[in-house]
Amino acid sequence: MYKTILLTVDLGDAASWQKALPTAMEIARDSAAALHVLSVVPDYGAALVAADFPPDFQKNALKAAKEKLDALLDGAGAREAISHVAVGRVHDVVLDHITSTGADLVVMASHAPDRVREFLVGSRADRVVRRSPVSVLVVR
């Protein structure tokens, strides 16, 4: 059914992968699909903010995120999953990775809503769902 699945996870929030990872693994197994797992590190590159961080902060953050993601996948038995880490706004990075991986399904968790934040900026899952050129499975 699917050839390539892209799962998004927030390494700082276990709720983003506790249900979504097993779901994505099951769909990948049943479809004989490749599973790509993406974690996004926030972009602290804005000039005003970047000055407060060491020059290699972003590089070290990406390295640490990659190690943590690989350990998470290994611990979950998802050894064949392809891990990706990137910097930026979550919905933009996810949309870029849909194209670069050739994903035909995105799996992501929906967090408990913070009504004020959601009203002001919208949820990440909502932004991906509205802009994605492929199907998106939102796991609750």
N, C-alpha and C. Protein backbone atom coordinates (compact mmCIF):
# COMPACT_ATOMS: atom_id res chain seq x y z
N MET A 1 0.82 -1.19 0.00
CA MET A 1 0.00 0.00 0.00
C MET A 1 0.86 1.26 0.00
N TYR A 2 1.78 1.38 0.96
CA TYR A 2 2.70 2.51 1.01
C TYR A 2 4.11 2.02 0.71
N LYS A 3 4.91 2.91 0.13
CA LYS A 3 6.29 2.55 -0.19
C LYS A 3 7.28 3.19 0.78
N THR A 4 6.96 4.42 1.18
CA THR A 4 7.86 5.16 2.07
C THR A 4 7.05 5.92 3.10
N ILE A 5 7.35 5.68 4.36
CA ILE A 5 6.64 6.32 5.47
C ILE A 5 7.59 7.26 6.19
N LEU A 6 7.11 8.46 6.48
CA LEU A 6 7.89 9.43 7.24
C LEU A 6 7.21 9.64 8.58
N LEU A 7 7.90 9.29 9.66
CA LEU A 7 7.40 9.49 11.02
C LEU A 7 8.14 10.66 11.63
N THR A 8 7.40 11.59 12.24
CA THR A 8 8.04 12.71 12.92
C THR A 8 7.98 12.46 14.42
N VAL A 9 9.09 12.75 15.11
CA VAL A 9 9.13 12.60 16.56
C VAL A 9 9.78 13.82 17.20
N ASP A 10 9.31 14.16 18.37
CA ASP A 10 9.90 15.21 19.19
C ASP A 10 10.65 14.49 20.30
N LEU A 11 11.98 14.52 20.24
CA LEU A 11 12.78 13.78 21.22
C LEU A 11 12.61 14.29 22.64
N GLY A 12 12.09 15.49 22.79
CA GLY A 12 11.87 16.05 24.12
C GLY A 12 10.50 15.71 24.69
N ASP A 13 9.69 14.97 23.93
CA ASP A 13 8.34 14.66 24.37
C ASP A 13 7.99 13.23 23.96
N ALA A 14 8.06 12.32 24.92
CA ALA A 14 7.81 10.90 24.63
C ALA A 14 6.42 10.67 24.05
N ALA A 15 5.46 11.54 24.36
CA ALA A 15 4.11 11.37 23.81
C ALA A 15 4.10 11.48 22.29
N SER A 16 5.14 12.08 21.72
CA SER A 16 5.18 12.23 20.27
C SER A 16 5.56 10.94 19.56
N TRP A 17 6.09 9.98 20.29
CA TRP A 17 6.50 8.73 19.64
C TRP A 17 5.98 7.46 20.31
N GLN A 18 5.47 7.53 21.53
CA GLN A 18 5.06 6.31 22.23
C GLN A 18 4.00 5.51 21.48
N LYS A 19 3.06 6.18 20.87
CA LYS A 19 2.04 5.49 20.07
C LYS A 19 2.35 5.56 18.58
N ALA A 20 2.92 6.66 18.15
CA ALA A 20 3.16 6.87 16.72
C ALA A 20 4.24 5.94 16.17
N LEU A 21 5.30 5.68 16.94
CA LEU A 21 6.38 4.82 16.45
C LEU A 21 5.89 3.39 16.22
N PRO A 22 5.23 2.75 17.19
CA PRO A 22 4.73 1.40 16.91
C PRO A 22 3.72 1.36 15.75
N THR A 23 2.92 2.40 15.64
CA THR A 23 1.95 2.47 14.53
C THR A 23 2.67 2.54 13.20
N ALA A 24 3.66 3.41 13.10
CA ALA A 24 4.42 3.56 11.85
C ALA A 24 5.19 2.28 11.53
N MET A 25 5.76 1.64 12.55
CA MET A 25 6.49 0.38 12.33
C MET A 25 5.55 -0.70 11.80
N GLU A 26 4.35 -0.77 12.35
CA GLU A 26 3.38 -1.78 11.91
C GLU A 26 2.95 -1.54 10.46
N ILE A 27 2.67 -0.29 10.13
CA ILE A 27 2.26 0.03 8.75
C ILE A 27 3.41 -0.27 7.80
N ALA A 28 4.64 0.10 8.19
CA ALA A 28 5.80 -0.17 7.34
C ALA A 28 5.99 -1.67 7.12
N ARG A 29 5.85 -2.43 8.19
CA ARG A 29 6.00 -3.88 8.09
C ARG A 29 4.92 -4.48 7.19
N ASP A 30 3.68 -4.08 7.41
CA ASP A 30 2.56 -4.63 6.64
C ASP A 30 2.61 -4.23 5.17
N SER A 31 3.20 -3.07 4.89
CA SER A 31 3.28 -2.57 3.51
C SER A 31 4.63 -2.86 2.86
N ALA A 32 5.56 -3.44 3.61
CA ALA A 32 6.94 -3.61 3.13
C ALA A 32 7.51 -2.27 2.70
N ALA A 33 7.23 -1.24 3.48
CA ALA A 33 7.65 0.12 3.16
C ALA A 33 8.91 0.50 3.93
N ALA A 34 9.66 1.42 3.37
CA ALA A 34 10.80 2.01 4.08
C ALA A 34 10.24 2.96 5.13
N LEU A 35 10.88 2.98 6.30
CA LEU A 35 10.46 3.88 7.38
C LEU A 35 11.56 4.89 7.64
N HIS A 36 11.23 6.16 7.44
CA HIS A 36 12.13 7.27 7.75
C HIS A 36 11.59 7.94 9.01
N VAL A 37 12.47 8.23 9.96
CA VAL A 37 12.05 8.87 11.21
C VAL A 37 12.80 10.19 11.33
N LEU A 38 12.06 11.26 11.51
CA LEU A 38 12.60 12.62 11.51
C LEU A 38 12.37 13.30 12.85
N SER A 39 13.43 13.91 13.36
CA SER A 39 13.32 14.78 14.53
C SER A 39 13.88 16.14 14.15
N VAL A 40 13.18 17.19 14.55
CA VAL A 40 13.57 18.55 14.18
C VAL A 40 14.09 19.28 15.41
N VAL A 41 15.27 19.87 15.25
CA VAL A 41 15.88 20.69 16.29
C VAL A 41 15.48 22.13 16.00
N PRO A 42 15.01 22.87 17.00
CA PRO A 42 14.62 24.26 16.75
C PRO A 42 15.78 25.07 16.19
N ASP A 43 15.46 26.02 15.34
CA ASP A 43 16.47 26.89 14.74
C ASP A 43 16.71 28.09 15.65
N TYR A 44 17.91 28.13 16.22
CA TYR A 44 18.28 29.26 17.07
C TYR A 44 19.19 30.21 16.31
N GLY A 45 19.12 30.20 14.99
CA GLY A 45 20.04 30.97 14.17
C GLY A 45 19.71 32.43 14.00
N ALA A 46 18.59 32.89 14.52
CA ALA A 46 18.28 34.31 14.40
C ALA A 46 19.39 35.13 15.04
N ALA A 47 19.75 36.21 14.41
CA ALA A 47 20.91 37.00 14.83
C ALA A 47 20.87 37.37 16.32
N LEU A 48 19.74 37.79 16.82
CA LEU A 48 19.66 38.19 18.22
C LEU A 48 19.85 37.02 19.17
N VAL A 49 19.35 35.86 18.80
CA VAL A 49 19.42 34.69 19.66
C VAL A 49 20.76 33.97 19.49
N ALA A 50 21.26 33.89 18.27
CA ALA A 50 22.48 33.14 17.99
C ALA A 50 23.67 33.65 18.78
N ALA A 51 23.70 34.92 19.07
CA ALA A 51 24.82 35.51 19.81
C ALA A 51 24.93 34.95 21.22
N ASP A 52 23.85 34.41 21.76
CA ASP A 52 23.85 33.88 23.11
C ASP A 52 24.32 32.42 23.19
N PHE A 53 24.57 31.79 22.06
CA PHE A 53 24.99 30.40 22.02
C PHE A 53 26.41 30.29 21.48
N PRO A 54 27.14 29.25 21.90
CA PRO A 54 28.48 29.02 21.35
C PRO A 54 28.39 28.77 19.85
N PRO A 55 29.45 29.05 19.10
CA PRO A 55 29.42 28.90 17.64
C PRO A 55 29.05 27.50 17.16
N ASP A 56 29.43 26.47 17.89
CA ASP A 56 29.15 25.10 17.45
C ASP A 56 27.92 24.50 18.13
N PHE A 57 27.09 25.33 18.72
CA PHE A 57 25.91 24.85 19.45
C PHE A 57 24.99 24.03 18.55
N GLN A 58 24.68 24.57 17.38
CA GLN A 58 23.74 23.89 16.49
C GLN A 58 24.30 22.55 16.01
N LYS A 59 25.58 22.53 15.67
CA LYS A 59 26.21 21.28 15.22
C LYS A 59 26.16 20.24 16.33
N ASN A 60 26.47 20.65 17.55
CA ASN A 60 26.43 19.73 18.69
C ASN A 60 25.00 19.27 19.00
N ALA A 61 24.04 20.18 18.85
CA ALA A 61 22.64 19.83 19.09
C ALA A 61 22.16 18.79 18.08
N LEU A 62 22.56 18.95 16.82
CA LEU A 62 22.19 17.97 15.79
C LEU A 62 22.83 16.62 16.05
N LYS A 63 24.08 16.63 16.46
CA LYS A 63 24.78 15.37 16.75
C LYS A 63 24.11 14.65 17.92
N ALA A 64 23.80 15.40 18.98
CA ALA A 64 23.14 14.80 20.15
C ALA A 64 21.75 14.27 19.79
N ALA A 65 21.02 15.02 18.97
CA ALA A 65 19.69 14.57 18.55
C ALA A 65 19.77 13.30 17.72
N LYS A 66 20.75 13.22 16.83
CA LYS A 66 20.92 12.03 15.99
C LYS A 66 21.23 10.81 16.86
N GLU A 67 22.11 10.99 17.84
CA GLU A 67 22.46 9.88 18.74
C GLU A 67 21.24 9.43 19.54
N LYS A 68 20.47 10.39 20.03
CA LYS A 68 19.28 10.07 20.83
C LYS A 68 18.22 9.38 19.96
N LEU A 69 18.05 9.86 18.74
CA LEU A 69 17.07 9.26 17.84
C LEU A 69 17.48 7.83 17.47
N ASP A 70 18.76 7.64 17.17
CA ASP A 70 19.24 6.29 16.83
C ASP A 70 19.06 5.33 18.01
N ALA A 71 19.32 5.82 19.22
CA ALA A 71 19.14 4.98 20.42
C ALA A 71 17.66 4.64 20.62
N LEU A 72 16.79 5.61 20.40
CA LEU A 72 15.35 5.38 20.52
C LEU A 72 14.90 4.30 19.53
N LEU A 73 15.33 4.42 18.29
CA LEU A 73 14.93 3.46 17.26
C LEU A 73 15.50 2.08 17.55
N ASP A 74 16.73 2.03 17.99
CA ASP A 74 17.36 0.75 18.33
C ASP A 74 16.60 0.08 19.48
N GLY A 75 16.27 0.86 20.50
CA GLY A 75 15.55 0.34 21.66
C GLY A 75 14.15 -0.14 21.32
N ALA A 76 13.56 0.45 20.28
CA ALA A 76 12.20 0.07 19.87
C ALA A 76 12.21 -1.07 18.86
N GLY A 77 13.39 -1.52 18.50
CA GLY A 77 13.48 -2.60 17.52
C GLY A 77 13.30 -2.13 16.09
N ALA A 78 13.47 -0.84 15.86
CA ALA A 78 13.30 -0.27 14.51
C ALA A 78 14.67 -0.07 13.87
N ARG A 79 15.47 -1.12 13.86
CA ARG A 79 16.85 -1.02 13.38
C ARG A 79 16.95 -0.71 11.89
N GLU A 80 15.92 -1.04 11.13
CA GLU A 80 15.97 -0.77 9.70
C GLU A 80 15.44 0.61 9.34
N ALA A 81 14.93 1.33 10.32
CA ALA A 81 14.44 2.69 10.07
C ALA A 81 15.62 3.60 9.75
N ILE A 82 15.36 4.57 8.91
CA ILE A 82 16.39 5.53 8.51
C ILE A 82 16.13 6.81 9.30
N SER A 83 17.10 7.21 10.12
CA SER A 83 16.90 8.37 10.98
C SER A 83 17.40 9.64 10.30
N HIS A 84 16.68 10.73 10.57
CA HIS A 84 17.03 12.04 10.04
C HIS A 84 16.87 13.06 11.16
N VAL A 85 17.79 14.00 11.23
CA VAL A 85 17.62 15.16 12.10
C VAL A 85 17.85 16.40 11.25
N ALA A 86 17.13 17.45 11.56
CA ALA A 86 17.24 18.68 10.79
C ALA A 86 16.93 19.85 11.70
N VAL A 87 17.27 21.04 11.22
CA VAL A 87 17.04 22.27 11.96
C VAL A 87 15.99 23.09 11.23
N GLY A 88 15.08 23.70 11.98
CA GLY A 88 14.11 24.60 11.36
C GLY A 88 12.76 24.54 12.03
N ARG A 89 11.79 25.11 11.35
CA ARG A 89 10.41 25.06 11.83
C ARG A 89 9.84 23.70 11.45
N VAL A 90 9.21 23.05 12.40
CA VAL A 90 8.80 21.65 12.22
C VAL A 90 8.03 21.44 10.93
N HIS A 91 6.99 22.20 10.71
CA HIS A 91 6.16 21.93 9.53
C HIS A 91 6.93 22.15 8.22
N ASP A 92 7.81 23.14 8.18
CA ASP A 92 8.61 23.36 6.96
C ASP A 92 9.56 22.20 6.71
N VAL A 93 10.22 21.73 7.77
CA VAL A 93 11.18 20.63 7.64
C VAL A 93 10.45 19.34 7.24
N VAL A 94 9.30 19.09 7.84
CA VAL A 94 8.53 17.89 7.49
C VAL A 94 8.14 17.93 6.02
N LEU A 95 7.65 19.05 5.56
CA LEU A 95 7.25 19.16 4.15
C LEU A 95 8.45 18.97 3.22
N ASP A 96 9.61 19.50 3.59
CA ASP A 96 10.82 19.28 2.79
C ASP A 96 11.19 17.80 2.76
N HIS A 97 11.07 17.12 3.89
CA HIS A 97 11.45 15.71 3.97
C HIS A 97 10.44 14.80 3.26
N ILE A 98 9.21 15.23 3.13
CA ILE A 98 8.26 14.45 2.32
C ILE A 98 8.81 14.33 0.91
N THR A 99 9.29 15.44 0.39
CA THR A 99 9.84 15.45 -0.97
C THR A 99 11.16 14.69 -1.04
N SER A 100 12.07 14.98 -0.12
CA SER A 100 13.42 14.39 -0.22
C SER A 100 13.42 12.88 0.02
N THR A 101 12.49 12.38 0.81
CA THR A 101 12.44 10.93 1.06
C THR A 101 11.50 10.21 0.10
N GLY A 102 10.66 10.96 -0.59
CA GLY A 102 9.66 10.34 -1.45
C GLY A 102 8.53 9.71 -0.66
N ALA A 103 8.30 10.21 0.54
CA ALA A 103 7.27 9.64 1.41
C ALA A 103 5.89 9.72 0.77
N ASP A 104 5.11 8.66 0.94
CA ASP A 104 3.73 8.70 0.50
C ASP A 104 2.76 8.61 1.68
N LEU A 105 3.31 8.62 2.89
CA LEU A 105 2.51 8.69 4.12
C LEU A 105 3.35 9.34 5.21
N VAL A 106 2.75 10.28 5.92
CA VAL A 106 3.38 10.89 7.09
C VAL A 106 2.61 10.41 8.31
N VAL A 107 3.35 10.00 9.34
CA VAL A 107 2.74 9.62 10.61
C VAL A 107 3.28 10.57 11.66
N MET A 108 2.38 11.16 12.43
CA MET A 108 2.81 12.06 13.51
C MET A 108 1.80 12.05 14.63
N ALA A 109 2.27 12.41 15.81
CA ALA A 109 1.39 12.45 16.97
C ALA A 109 0.77 13.83 17.09
N SER A 110 -0.37 13.86 17.71
CA SER A 110 -1.00 15.12 18.05
C SER A 110 -0.91 15.28 19.56
N HIS A 111 -0.36 16.39 19.98
CA HIS A 111 -0.20 16.64 21.41
C HIS A 111 -1.49 17.18 22.00
N ALA A 112 -1.61 17.08 23.29
CA ALA A 112 -2.75 17.69 23.98
C ALA A 112 -2.71 19.19 23.69
N PRO A 113 -3.82 19.76 23.29
CA PRO A 113 -3.79 21.15 22.85
C PRO A 113 -3.57 22.16 23.98
N ASP A 114 -2.75 23.13 23.68
CA ASP A 114 -2.61 24.32 24.50
C ASP A 114 -3.46 25.35 23.75
N ARG A 115 -4.66 25.58 24.21
CA ARG A 115 -5.64 26.36 23.45
C ARG A 115 -5.14 27.75 23.06
N VAL A 116 -4.44 28.44 23.94
CA VAL A 116 -3.96 29.78 23.62
C VAL A 116 -2.92 29.71 22.51
N ARG A 117 -1.94 28.82 22.67
CA ARG A 117 -0.89 28.68 21.67
C ARG A 117 -1.48 28.24 20.33
N GLU A 118 -2.39 27.29 20.38
CA GLU A 118 -3.01 26.78 19.16
C GLU A 118 -3.78 27.89 18.44
N PHE A 119 -4.47 28.75 19.20
CA PHE A 119 -5.21 29.85 18.60
C PHE A 119 -4.27 30.84 17.93
N LEU A 120 -3.15 31.12 18.58
CA LEU A 120 -2.22 32.12 18.05
C LEU A 120 -1.39 31.61 16.89
N VAL A 121 -0.88 30.40 16.97
CA VAL A 121 0.05 29.92 15.94
C VAL A 121 -0.39 28.63 15.27
N GLY A 122 -1.39 27.95 15.77
CA GLY A 122 -1.82 26.69 15.18
C GLY A 122 -0.94 25.54 15.63
N SER A 123 -1.43 24.32 15.46
CA SER A 123 -0.64 23.16 15.86
C SER A 123 0.25 22.72 14.71
N ARG A 124 1.34 22.07 15.07
CA ARG A 124 2.28 21.57 14.05
C ARG A 124 1.59 20.53 13.18
N ALA A 125 0.86 19.62 13.80
CA ALA A 125 0.17 18.59 13.03
C ALA A 125 -0.83 19.23 12.06
N ASP A 126 -1.54 20.24 12.52
CA ASP A 126 -2.51 20.91 11.67
C ASP A 126 -1.83 21.54 10.46
N ARG A 127 -0.70 22.17 10.67
CA ARG A 127 0.03 22.80 9.56
C ARG A 127 0.50 21.76 8.55
N VAL A 128 0.98 20.64 9.04
CA VAL A 128 1.44 19.59 8.13
C VAL A 128 0.24 19.02 7.37
N VAL A 129 -0.84 18.73 8.07
CA VAL A 129 -2.03 18.16 7.43
C VAL A 129 -2.54 19.09 6.32
N ARG A 130 -2.61 20.37 6.60
CA ARG A 130 -3.14 21.32 5.62
C ARG A 130 -2.24 21.49 4.40
N ARG A 131 -0.93 21.32 4.57
CA ARG A 131 0.00 21.60 3.47
C ARG A 131 0.60 20.36 2.81
N SER A 132 0.41 19.21 3.39
CA SER A 132 1.06 18.01 2.88
C SER A 132 0.47 17.56 1.54
N PRO A 133 1.35 17.18 0.61
CA PRO A 133 0.86 16.64 -0.66
C PRO A 133 0.51 15.15 -0.58
N VAL A 134 0.77 14.53 0.59
CA VAL A 134 0.50 13.11 0.77
C VAL A 134 -0.39 12.92 2.00
N SER A 135 -0.87 11.71 2.19
CA SER A 135 -1.72 11.41 3.34
C SER A 135 -0.94 11.58 4.64
N VAL A 136 -1.64 12.04 5.67
CA VAL A 136 -1.05 12.21 7.00
C VAL A 136 -1.92 11.47 8.00
N LEU A 137 -1.29 10.57 8.76
CA LEU A 137 -1.98 9.86 9.83
C LEU A 137 -1.58 10.52 11.14
N VAL A 138 -2.56 11.11 11.82
CA VAL A 138 -2.31 11.76 13.10
C VAL A 138 -2.72 10.78 14.19
N VAL A 139 -1.76 10.40 15.02
CA VAL A 139 -1.97 9.41 16.07
C VAL A 139 -2.21 10.14 17.38
N ARG A 140 -3.27 9.75 18.09
CA ARG A 140 -3.57 10.38 19.39
C ARG A 140 -3.31 9.39 20.50
